[in-house]
Amino acid sequence: MSTISIFIVEDELLISANLRSQLQSFGYEVLGSSTKGEQCLQDIERLSKEGKEPQIVLMDIHLRGEMDGIETARRLVEKSNCAIIFLTGQSSKEIYERSFRIKPFGYLLKPIDMEQTKMTIEIAAYQRNLEIENLVYQKKLEVLLEERKRENDEITSLFKTIAENSLVGMTIIQEDRIVFANSHIAQLLGINMSELLTTDPYNLTGLIHADDREVMNNRLETRLNEADAPNASTYRIVRKDGSVVHLESYSRLIKYKGKPALHYLYFDITSYWDALKGKEN
């Protein structure tokens, strides 16, 4: 276990020197001391730049100068990972209420009991290490989540690119509504995307050629209720402009957002039928 490093902020030089001596006799590393809050902030900033930020700061609440120990500690914890242990000669409610906002790692009442001091320092150092480990873990987790989000965004972007540029029409029908469609199926049906996504799929059967409509209505109903129903269909669509498109569709029962749905693929086979009709003629 590494040696615990300590910085002392105490305006009574005799107390500070005595405290330093006893802490060193316990095996702690005393990196320095200050008598004023302003000097403390400068000294610890310098130590931090040198890679020697103290683990523990013993902070006297009553200091000479413009800042008392509580204000000094507040500024210190904003820029460092030092664990603050307050030293005080009195235990007033006001002092504790102000200092609680700093989230100190302990309090020591003067005159200082060195055994109690040692125990408080050991506990504070342990808690500080746990907090730093948790922060490191949290940052690693945030990086991991960001990486996963970026991967998911890339996959989503790839899927959208493929779906929107596909030569195959695609829809997902769930609970009697179209929850997904790509632009190609809208083009095949001769309607715009917003109209397609707000139309009841049963109403779309009105686009099916009258000679194919009854068969397709029955097949859609069967497919929604029977997983092993036939999944391939060939039929004609009559667009609003009167043109006829021959479609071949394939459906599959899937789970979408935890609920059953039908995924359809649509192929335009009009040119095939036109070629076949030409041969027959």
C-alpha atoms as a PDB file:
ATOM      1  CA  MET A   1       0.000   0.000   0.000  1.00  0.00           C
ATOM      2  CA  SER A   2       1.379   3.420  -0.992  1.00  0.00           C
ATOM      3  CA  THR A   3       2.273   6.025   1.609  1.00  0.00           C
ATOM      4  CA  ILE A   4      -0.538   8.485   2.312  1.00  0.00           C
ATOM      5  CA  SER A   5       0.442  12.050   1.412  1.00  0.00           C
ATOM      6  CA  ILE A   6      -0.815  14.962   3.521  1.00  0.00           C
ATOM      7  CA  PHE A   7      -0.865  18.747   3.354  1.00  0.00           C
ATOM      8  CA  ILE A   8      -1.433  20.805   6.513  1.00  0.00           C
ATOM      9  CA  VAL A   9      -3.300  24.129   6.584  1.00  0.00           C
ATOM     10  CA  GLU A  10      -2.944  25.568  10.093  1.00  0.00           C
ATOM     11  CA  ASP A  11      -2.258  29.179  11.076  1.00  0.00           C
ATOM     12  CA  GLU A  12      -0.695  28.286  14.437  1.00  0.00           C
ATOM     13  CA  LEU A  13       2.911  27.478  13.524  1.00  0.00           C
ATOM     14  CA  LEU A  14       3.573  25.517  16.723  1.00  0.00           C
ATOM     15  CA  ILE A  15       0.525  23.289  16.176  1.00  0.00           C
ATOM     16  CA  SER A  16       1.449  22.856  12.520  1.00  0.00           C
ATOM     17  CA  ALA A  17       5.049  21.837  13.332  1.00  0.00           C
ATOM     18  CA  ASN A  18       3.944  19.410  16.058  1.00  0.00           C
ATOM     19  CA  LEU A  19       1.322  17.894  13.748  1.00  0.00           C
ATOM     20  CA  ARG A  20       3.868  17.470  10.952  1.00  0.00           C
ATOM     21  CA  SER A  21       6.323  15.721  13.281  1.00  0.00           C
ATOM     22  CA  GLN A  22       3.773  13.244  14.630  1.00  0.00           C
ATOM     23  CA  LEU A  23       2.302  12.475  11.213  1.00  0.00           C
ATOM     24  CA  GLN A  24       5.758  11.723   9.846  1.00  0.00           C
ATOM     25  CA  SER A  25       6.417   9.433  12.805  1.00  0.00           C
ATOM     26  CA  PHE A  26       3.306   7.456  11.743  1.00  0.00           C
ATOM     27  CA  GLY A  27       4.850   6.982   8.307  1.00  0.00           C
ATOM     28  CA  TYR A  28       2.804   9.570   6.432  1.00  0.00           C
ATOM     29  CA  GLU A  29       4.367  11.855   3.820  1.00  0.00           C
ATOM     30  CA  VAL A  30       3.804  15.532   4.662  1.00  0.00           C
ATOM     31  CA  LEU A  31       4.156  17.461   1.397  1.00  0.00           C
ATOM     32  CA  GLY A  32       3.973  20.905   2.961  1.00  0.00           C
ATOM     33  CA  SER A  33       1.977  23.329   5.052  1.00  0.00           C
ATOM     34  CA  SER A  34       0.380  26.765   4.789  1.00  0.00           C
ATOM     35  CA  THR A  35      -0.911  29.288   7.294  1.00  0.00           C
ATOM     36  CA  LYS A  36      -3.376  31.017   4.936  1.00  0.00           C
ATOM     37  CA  GLY A  37      -6.022  29.787   2.486  1.00  0.00           C
ATOM     38  CA  GLU A  38      -4.641  31.794  -0.424  1.00  0.00           C
ATOM     39  CA  GLN A  39      -1.169  30.302   0.037  1.00  0.00           C
ATOM     40  CA  CYS A  40      -2.633  26.824   0.421  1.00  0.00           C
ATOM     41  CA  LEU A  41      -4.345  27.027  -2.980  1.00  0.00           C
ATOM     42  CA  GLN A  42      -1.130  28.168  -4.645  1.00  0.00           C
ATOM     43  CA  ASP A  43       1.002  25.506  -2.964  1.00  0.00           C
ATOM     44  CA  ILE A  44      -1.358  22.629  -3.822  1.00  0.00           C
ATOM     45  CA  GLU A  45      -1.752  23.868  -7.395  1.00  0.00           C
ATOM     46  CA  ARG A  46       2.044  23.776  -7.723  1.00  0.00           C
ATOM     47  CA  LEU A  47       2.219  20.287  -6.211  1.00  0.00           C
ATOM     48  CA  SER A  48      -0.509  19.076  -8.569  1.00  0.00           C
ATOM     49  CA  LYS A  49       1.428  20.330 -11.584  1.00  0.00           C
ATOM     50  CA  GLU A  50       4.431  18.397 -10.289  1.00  0.00           C
ATOM     51  CA  GLY A  51       2.312  15.263 -10.002  1.00  0.00           C
ATOM     52  CA  LYS A  52       2.359  15.364  -6.200  1.00  0.00           C
ATOM     53  CA  GLU A  53      -1.209  16.313  -5.341  1.00  0.00           C
ATOM     54  CA  PRO A  54      -1.792  15.436  -1.665  1.00  0.00           C
ATOM     55  CA  GLN A  55      -4.337  12.755  -0.880  1.00  0.00           C
ATOM     56  CA  ILE A  56      -5.361  14.378   2.415  1.00  0.00           C
ATOM     57  CA  VAL A  57      -5.600  18.028   3.403  1.00  0.00           C
ATOM     58  CA  LEU A  58      -5.903  18.776   7.116  1.00  0.00           C
ATOM     59  CA  MET A  59      -7.743  22.091   6.994  1.00  0.00           C
ATOM     60  CA  ASP A  60      -8.114  24.369   9.999  1.00  0.00           C
ATOM     61  CA  ILE A  61     -11.483  26.136   9.762  1.00  0.00           C
ATOM     62  CA  HIS A  62     -10.295  29.369  11.372  1.00  0.00           C
ATOM     63  CA  LEU A  63      -7.503  30.868   9.264  1.00  0.00           C
ATOM     64  CA  ARG A  64      -5.943  34.278   9.015  1.00  0.00           C
ATOM     65  CA  GLY A  65      -6.446  36.135   5.772  1.00  0.00           C
ATOM     66  CA  GLU A  66      -9.433  36.800   3.554  1.00  0.00           C
ATOM     67  CA  MET A  67     -10.563  33.158   3.310  1.00  0.00           C
ATOM     68  CA  ASP A  68     -11.397  30.807   6.145  1.00  0.00           C
ATOM     69  CA  GLY A  69     -10.825  27.062   5.911  1.00  0.00           C
ATOM     70  CA  ILE A  70     -14.313  26.300   4.589  1.00  0.00           C
ATOM     71  CA  GLU A  71     -14.025  28.702   1.653  1.00  0.00           C
ATOM     72  CA  THR A  72     -10.485  27.482   0.969  1.00  0.00           C
ATOM     73  CA  ALA A  73     -11.700  23.884   0.963  1.00  0.00           C
ATOM     74  CA  ARG A  74     -14.574  24.752  -1.368  1.00  0.00           C
ATOM     75  CA  ARG A  75     -12.202  26.216  -3.936  1.00  0.00           C
ATOM     76  CA  LEU A  76      -9.750  23.380  -3.466  1.00  0.00           C
ATOM     77  CA  VAL A  77     -12.213  20.549  -4.150  1.00  0.00           C
ATOM     78  CA  GLU A  78     -13.338  22.280  -7.349  1.00  0.00           C
ATOM     79  CA  LYS A  79      -9.882  21.752  -8.855  1.00  0.00           C
ATOM     80  CA  SER A  80      -8.450  18.705  -7.082  1.00  0.00           C
ATOM     81  CA  ASN A  81      -9.189  15.247  -5.701  1.00  0.00           C
ATOM     82  CA  CYS A  82      -7.894  16.078  -2.230  1.00  0.00           C
ATOM     83  CA  ALA A  83      -9.854  14.652   0.693  1.00  0.00           C
ATOM     84  CA  ILE A  84     -10.607  17.396   3.217  1.00  0.00           C
ATOM     85  CA  ILE A  85     -10.460  16.767   6.960  1.00  0.00           C
ATOM     86  CA  PHE A  86     -11.440  19.847   8.937  1.00  0.00           C
ATOM     87  CA  LEU A  87      -9.672  20.878  12.128  1.00  0.00           C
ATOM     88  CA  THR A  88     -11.685  22.997  14.533  1.00  0.00           C
ATOM     89  CA  GLY A  89     -11.558  24.161  18.094  1.00  0.00           C
ATOM     90  CA  GLN A  90     -15.309  24.562  18.367  1.00  0.00           C
ATOM     91  CA  SER A  91     -18.334  22.584  17.202  1.00  0.00           C
ATOM     92  CA  SER A  92     -20.978  25.158  16.320  1.00  0.00           C
ATOM     93  CA  LYS A  93     -24.014  24.348  14.202  1.00  0.00           C
ATOM     94  CA  GLU A  94     -23.199  27.155  11.764  1.00  0.00           C
ATOM     95  CA  ILE A  95     -19.725  25.780  11.082  1.00  0.00           C
ATOM     96  CA  TYR A  96     -21.024  22.263  10.428  1.00  0.00           C
ATOM     97  CA  GLU A  97     -23.833  23.483   8.177  1.00  0.00           C
ATOM     98  CA  ARG A  98     -21.398  25.489   6.032  1.00  0.00           C
ATOM     99  CA  SER A  99     -18.778  22.769   5.923  1.00  0.00           C
ATOM    100  CA  PHE A 100     -21.243  19.970   5.067  1.00  0.00           C
ATOM    101  CA  ARG A 101     -21.620  21.469   1.595  1.00  0.00           C
ATOM    102  CA  ILE A 102     -17.945  20.683   0.969  1.00  0.00           C
ATOM    103  CA  LYS A 103     -18.601  16.997   1.724  1.00  0.00           C
ATOM    104  CA  PRO A 104     -15.569  16.640   4.024  1.00  0.00           C
ATOM    105  CA  PHE A 105     -14.101  13.242   4.798  1.00  0.00           C
ATOM    106  CA  GLY A 106     -13.937  13.937   8.533  1.00  0.00           C
ATOM    107  CA  TYR A 107     -13.632  16.350  11.449  1.00  0.00           C
ATOM    108  CA  LEU A 108     -10.998  16.580  14.145  1.00  0.00           C
ATOM    109  CA  LEU A 109     -11.566  18.610  17.297  1.00  0.00           C
ATOM    110  CA  LYS A 110      -8.733  20.483  18.970  1.00  0.00           C
ATOM    111  CA  PRO A 111      -6.756  19.646  21.018  1.00  0.00           C
ATOM    112  CA  ILE A 112      -5.956  16.970  18.497  1.00  0.00           C
ATOM    113  CA  ASP A 113      -5.875  13.315  19.549  1.00  0.00           C
ATOM    114  CA  MET A 114      -3.250  11.693  17.305  1.00  0.00           C
ATOM    115  CA  GLU A 115      -4.720   8.182  17.473  1.00  0.00           C
ATOM    116  CA  GLN A 116      -8.057   9.539  16.388  1.00  0.00           C
ATOM    117  CA  THR A 117      -6.273  11.593  13.745  1.00  0.00           C
ATOM    118  CA  LYS A 118      -4.542   8.511  12.372  1.00  0.00           C
ATOM    119  CA  MET A 119      -7.817   6.573  12.181  1.00  0.00           C
ATOM    120  CA  THR A 120      -9.602   9.478  10.492  1.00  0.00           C
ATOM    121  CA  ILE A 121      -6.804   9.848   7.925  1.00  0.00           C
ATOM    122  CA  GLU A 122      -6.832   6.113   7.110  1.00  0.00           C
ATOM    123  CA  ILE A 123     -10.609   6.083   6.605  1.00  0.00           C
ATOM    124  CA  ALA A 124     -10.513   9.285   4.531  1.00  0.00           C
ATOM    125  CA  ALA A 125      -7.731   7.932   2.291  1.00  0.00           C
ATOM    126  CA  TYR A 126      -9.660   4.684   1.744  1.00  0.00           C
ATOM    127  CA  GLN A 127     -12.890   6.514   0.885  1.00  0.00           C
ATOM    128  CA  ARG A 128     -11.049   8.901  -1.418  1.00  0.00           C
ATOM    129  CA  ASN A 129      -9.492   6.000  -3.333  1.00  0.00           C
ATOM    130  CA  LEU A 130     -12.906   4.385  -3.721  1.00  0.00           C
ATOM    131  CA  GLU A 131     -14.371   7.613  -5.079  1.00  0.00           C
ATOM    132  CA  ILE A 132     -11.522   8.017  -7.572  1.00  0.00           C
ATOM    133  CA  GLU A 133     -11.898   4.370  -8.691  1.00  0.00           C
ATOM    134  CA  ASN A 134     -15.626   4.960  -9.146  1.00  0.00           C
ATOM    135  CA  LEU A 135     -14.941   8.085 -11.197  1.00  0.00           C
ATOM    136  CA  VAL A 136     -12.480   6.201 -13.400  1.00  0.00           C
ATOM    137  CA  TYR A 137     -14.999   3.371 -13.831  1.00  0.00           C
ATOM    138  CA  GLN A 138     -17.749   5.870 -14.627  1.00  0.00           C
ATOM    139  CA  LYS A 139     -15.618   7.575 -17.272  1.00  0.00           C
ATOM    140  CA  LYS A 140     -14.730   4.209 -18.839  1.00  0.00           C
ATOM    141  CA  LEU A 141     -18.417   3.305 -18.831  1.00  0.00           C
ATOM    142  CA  GLU A 142     -19.311   6.620 -20.467  1.00  0.00           C
ATOM    143  CA  VAL A 143     -16.692   6.013 -23.168  1.00  0.00           C
ATOM    144  CA  LEU A 144     -18.021   2.482 -23.706  1.00  0.00           C
ATOM    145  CA  LEU A 145     -21.619   3.719 -23.937  1.00  0.00           C
ATOM    146  CA  GLU A 146     -20.553   6.429 -26.370  1.00  0.00           C
ATOM    147  CA  GLU A 147     -18.802   3.811 -28.508  1.00  0.00           C
ATOM    148  CA  ARG A 148     -21.898   1.593 -28.447  1.00  0.00           C
ATOM    149  CA  LYS A 149     -24.097   4.578 -29.347  1.00  0.00           C
ATOM    150  CA  ARG A 150     -21.795   5.456 -32.221  1.00  0.00           C
ATOM    151  CA  GLU A 151     -21.871   1.844 -33.448  1.00  0.00           C
ATOM    152  CA  ASN A 152     -25.672   1.767 -33.181  1.00  0.00           C
ATOM    153  CA  ASP A 153     -25.905   5.094 -35.010  1.00  0.00           C
ATOM    154  CA  GLU A 154     -23.683   3.709 -37.771  1.00  0.00           C
ATOM    155  CA  ILE A 155     -25.798   0.549 -38.043  1.00  0.00           C
ATOM    156  CA  THR A 156     -29.012   2.610 -38.096  1.00  0.00           C
ATOM    157  CA  SER A 157     -27.557   4.919 -40.724  1.00  0.00           C
ATOM    158  CA  LEU A 158     -26.453   1.937 -42.822  1.00  0.00           C
ATOM    159  CA  PHE A 159     -29.890   0.334 -42.574  1.00  0.00           C
ATOM    160  CA  LYS A 160     -31.611   3.578 -43.582  1.00  0.00           C
ATOM    161  CA  THR A 161     -29.262   3.953 -46.547  1.00  0.00           C
ATOM    162  CA  ILE A 162     -29.895   0.386 -47.683  1.00  0.00           C
ATOM    163  CA  ALA A 163     -33.663   0.571 -47.122  1.00  0.00           C
ATOM    164  CA  GLU A 164     -34.120   3.914 -48.856  1.00  0.00           C
ATOM    165  CA  ASN A 165     -31.925   2.998 -51.824  1.00  0.00           C
ATOM    166  CA  SER A 166     -33.219  -0.530 -52.214  1.00  0.00           C
ATOM    167  CA  LEU A 167     -34.840  -1.629 -55.493  1.00  0.00           C
ATOM    168  CA  VAL A 168     -37.184  -3.732 -53.361  1.00  0.00           C
ATOM    169  CA  GLY A 169     -40.244  -2.318 -51.592  1.00  0.00           C
ATOM    170  CA  MET A 170     -40.420  -2.914 -47.835  1.00  0.00           C
ATOM    171  CA  THR A 171     -43.127  -2.563 -45.202  1.00  0.00           C
ATOM    172  CA  ILE A 172     -43.776  -3.718 -41.656  1.00  0.00           C
ATOM    173  CA  ILE A 173     -47.423  -4.098 -40.644  1.00  0.00           C
ATOM    174  CA  GLN A 174     -48.343  -4.306 -36.990  1.00  0.00           C
ATOM    175  CA  GLU A 175     -51.660  -3.961 -35.187  1.00  0.00           C
ATOM    176  CA  ASP A 176     -53.498  -2.975 -38.374  1.00  0.00           C
ATOM    177  CA  ARG A 177     -51.143  -0.180 -39.338  1.00  0.00           C
ATOM    178  CA  ILE A 178     -48.000   0.304 -41.362  1.00  0.00           C
ATOM    179  CA  VAL A 179     -45.206   1.076 -38.892  1.00  0.00           C
ATOM    180  CA  PHE A 180     -42.387   1.100 -41.462  1.00  0.00           C
ATOM    181  CA  ALA A 181     -42.142   1.584 -45.207  1.00  0.00           C
ATOM    182  CA  ASN A 182     -39.360   2.547 -47.567  1.00  0.00           C
ATOM    183  CA  SER A 183     -39.741   5.020 -50.405  1.00  0.00           C
ATOM    184  CA  HIS A 184     -39.621   2.358 -53.125  1.00  0.00           C
ATOM    185  CA  ILE A 185     -42.924   0.735 -52.132  1.00  0.00           C
ATOM    186  CA  ALA A 186     -44.559   4.177 -52.141  1.00  0.00           C
ATOM    187  CA  GLN A 187     -43.280   4.671 -55.698  1.00  0.00           C
ATOM    188  CA  LEU A 188     -44.569   1.256 -56.728  1.00  0.00           C
ATOM    189  CA  LEU A 189     -48.032   2.045 -55.346  1.00  0.00           C
ATOM    190  CA  GLY A 190     -48.034   5.522 -56.851  1.00  0.00           C
ATOM    191  CA  ILE A 191     -48.690   7.338 -53.544  1.00  0.00           C
ATOM    192  CA  ASN A 192     -46.577   9.577 -51.315  1.00  0.00           C
ATOM    193  CA  MET A 193     -44.884   8.346 -48.122  1.00  0.00           C
ATOM    194  CA  SER A 194     -47.020  10.327 -45.666  1.00  0.00           C
ATOM    195  CA  GLU A 195     -50.189   8.953 -47.250  1.00  0.00           C
ATOM    196  CA  LEU A 196     -48.821   5.435 -47.124  1.00  0.00           C
ATOM    197  CA  LEU A 197     -47.892   5.581 -43.433  1.00  0.00           C
ATOM    198  CA  THR A 198     -51.254   7.018 -42.390  1.00  0.00           C
ATOM    199  CA  THR A 199     -53.388   4.589 -44.371  1.00  0.00           C
ATOM    200  CA  ASP A 200     -54.932   1.453 -42.903  1.00  0.00           C
ATOM    201  CA  PRO A 201     -53.275  -1.505 -44.686  1.00  0.00           C
ATOM    202  CA  TYR A 202     -56.731  -2.961 -45.364  1.00  0.00           C
ATOM    203  CA  ASN A 203     -57.646   0.225 -47.220  1.00  0.00           C
ATOM    204  CA  LEU A 204     -54.606  -0.206 -49.424  1.00  0.00           C
ATOM    205  CA  THR A 205     -56.195  -3.356 -50.779  1.00  0.00           C
ATOM    206  CA  GLY A 206     -58.374  -0.963 -52.737  1.00  0.00           C
ATOM    207  CA  LEU A 207     -55.359  -0.534 -55.014  1.00  0.00           C
ATOM    208  CA  ILE A 208     -55.316  -4.243 -55.766  1.00  0.00           C
ATOM    209  CA  HIS A 209     -56.837  -5.237 -59.111  1.00  0.00           C
ATOM    210  CA  ALA A 210     -60.476  -6.226 -58.675  1.00  0.00           C
ATOM    211  CA  ASP A 211     -59.785  -9.741 -59.972  1.00  0.00           C
ATOM    212  CA  ASP A 212     -57.054 -10.281 -57.321  1.00  0.00           C
ATOM    213  CA  ARG A 213     -58.571  -8.426 -54.375  1.00  0.00           C
ATOM    214  CA  GLU A 214     -60.607 -11.167 -52.672  1.00  0.00           C
ATOM    215  CA  VAL A 215     -57.734 -13.644 -52.756  1.00  0.00           C
ATOM    216  CA  MET A 216     -55.302 -11.067 -51.336  1.00  0.00           C
ATOM    217  CA  ASN A 217     -57.681  -9.942 -48.563  1.00  0.00           C
ATOM    218  CA  ASN A 218     -58.102 -13.528 -47.424  1.00  0.00           C
ATOM    219  CA  ARG A 219     -54.361 -14.126 -47.614  1.00  0.00           C
ATOM    220  CA  LEU A 220     -53.563 -11.025 -45.546  1.00  0.00           C
ATOM    221  CA  GLU A 221     -56.018 -12.047 -42.847  1.00  0.00           C
ATOM    222  CA  THR A 222     -54.622 -15.587 -42.790  1.00  0.00           C
ATOM    223  CA  ARG A 223     -51.028 -14.393 -42.710  1.00  0.00           C
ATOM    224  CA  LEU A 224     -51.695 -12.128 -39.728  1.00  0.00           C
ATOM    225  CA  ASN A 225     -53.126 -15.013 -37.713  1.00  0.00           C
ATOM    226  CA  GLU A 226     -51.214 -18.069 -38.892  1.00  0.00           C
ATOM    227  CA  ALA A 227     -47.424 -18.251 -38.763  1.00  0.00           C
ATOM    228  CA  ASP A 228     -47.251 -21.129 -41.276  1.00  0.00           C
ATOM    229  CA  ALA A 229     -49.515 -19.505 -43.890  1.00  0.00           C
ATOM    230  CA  PRO A 230     -48.109 -19.130 -47.460  1.00  0.00           C
ATOM    231  CA  ASN A 231     -45.660 -16.230 -47.614  1.00  0.00           C
ATOM    232  CA  ALA A 232     -45.496 -15.578 -51.375  1.00  0.00           C
ATOM    233  CA  SER A 233     -48.106 -13.795 -53.484  1.00  0.00           C
ATOM    234  CA  THR A 234     -48.391 -12.452 -57.015  1.00  0.00           C
ATOM    235  CA  TYR A 235     -50.999  -9.812 -57.843  1.00  0.00           C
ATOM    236  CA  ARG A 236     -51.683  -6.585 -59.690  1.00  0.00           C
ATOM    237  CA  ILE A 237     -51.839  -3.027 -58.386  1.00  0.00           C
ATOM    238  CA  VAL A 238     -53.862  -0.351 -60.149  1.00  0.00           C
ATOM    239  CA  ARG A 239     -52.389   3.058 -59.444  1.00  0.00           C
ATOM    240  CA  LYS A 240     -54.440   6.226 -59.222  1.00  0.00           C
ATOM    241  CA  ASP A 241     -53.269   7.169 -62.725  1.00  0.00           C
ATOM    242  CA  GLY A 242     -54.701   3.897 -64.055  1.00  0.00           C
ATOM    243  CA  SER A 243     -51.370   2.180 -64.733  1.00  0.00           C
ATOM    244  CA  VAL A 244     -51.053  -1.461 -63.688  1.00  0.00           C
ATOM    245  CA  VAL A 245     -48.065  -2.847 -61.788  1.00  0.00           C
ATOM    246  CA  HIS A 246     -47.486  -6.571 -61.294  1.00  0.00           C
ATOM    247  CA  LEU A 247     -46.080  -7.283 -57.835  1.00  0.00           C
ATOM    248  CA  GLU A 248     -44.614 -10.330 -56.229  1.00  0.00           C
ATOM    249  CA  SER A 249     -44.516 -10.062 -52.436  1.00  0.00           C
ATOM    250  CA  TYR A 250     -42.999 -12.166 -49.680  1.00  0.00           C
ATOM    251  CA  SER A 251     -43.993 -11.897 -46.035  1.00  0.00           C
ATOM    252  CA  ARG A 252     -42.547 -13.128 -42.801  1.00  0.00           C
ATOM    253  CA  LEU A 253     -43.888 -13.040 -39.252  1.00  0.00           C
ATOM    254  CA  ILE A 254     -41.400 -11.176 -37.031  1.00  0.00           C
ATOM    255  CA  LYS A 255     -41.138  -9.514 -33.634  1.00  0.00           C
ATOM    256  CA  TYR A 256     -41.038  -5.736 -33.789  1.00  0.00           C
ATOM    257  CA  LYS A 257     -40.599  -3.892 -30.479  1.00  0.00           C
ATOM    258  CA  GLY A 258     -41.588  -7.071 -28.689  1.00  0.00           C
ATOM    259  CA  LYS A 259     -44.851  -7.581 -30.604  1.00  0.00           C
ATOM    260  CA  PRO A 260     -45.824  -9.749 -33.616  1.00  0.00           C
ATOM    261  CA  ALA A 261     -45.627  -8.017 -36.989  1.00  0.00           C
ATOM    262  CA  LEU A 262     -45.487  -8.868 -40.685  1.00  0.00           C
ATOM    263  CA  HIS A 263     -42.445  -7.889 -42.712  1.00  0.00           C
ATOM    264  CA  TYR A 264     -43.149  -7.607 -46.458  1.00  0.00           C
ATOM    265  CA  LEU A 265     -40.825  -7.412 -49.441  1.00  0.00           C
ATOM    266  CA  TYR A 266     -42.272  -6.304 -52.796  1.00  0.00           C
ATOM    267  CA  PHE A 267     -40.758  -6.944 -56.243  1.00  0.00           C
ATOM    268  CA  ASP A 268     -41.893  -5.199 -59.411  1.00  0.00           C
ATOM    269  CA  ILE A 269     -42.305  -8.007 -61.984  1.00  0.00           C
ATOM    270  CA  THR A 270     -44.241  -5.929 -64.525  1.00  0.00           C
ATOM    271  CA  SER A 271     -41.528  -6.232 -67.167  1.00  0.00           C
ATOM    272  CA  TYR A 272     -41.545 -10.011 -66.732  1.00  0.00           C
ATOM    273  CA  TRP A 273     -45.325 -10.181 -67.301  1.00  0.00           C
ATOM    274  CA  ASP A 274     -45.121  -7.785 -70.227  1.00  0.00           C
ATOM    275  CA  ALA A 275     -42.434  -9.943 -71.815  1.00  0.00           C
ATOM    276  CA  LEU A 276     -44.460 -13.091 -71.156  1.00  0.00           C
ATOM    277  CA  LYS A 277     -47.569 -11.506 -72.661  1.00  0.00           C
ATOM    278  CA  GLY A 278     -45.557 -10.455 -75.701  1.00  0.00           C
ATOM    279  CA  LYS A 279     -44.446 -14.023 -76.311  1.00  0.00           C
ATOM    280  CA  GLU A 280     -48.013 -15.268 -76.038  1.00  0.00           C
ATOM    281  CA  ASN A 281     -49.103 -12.788 -78.643  1.00  0.00           C
END
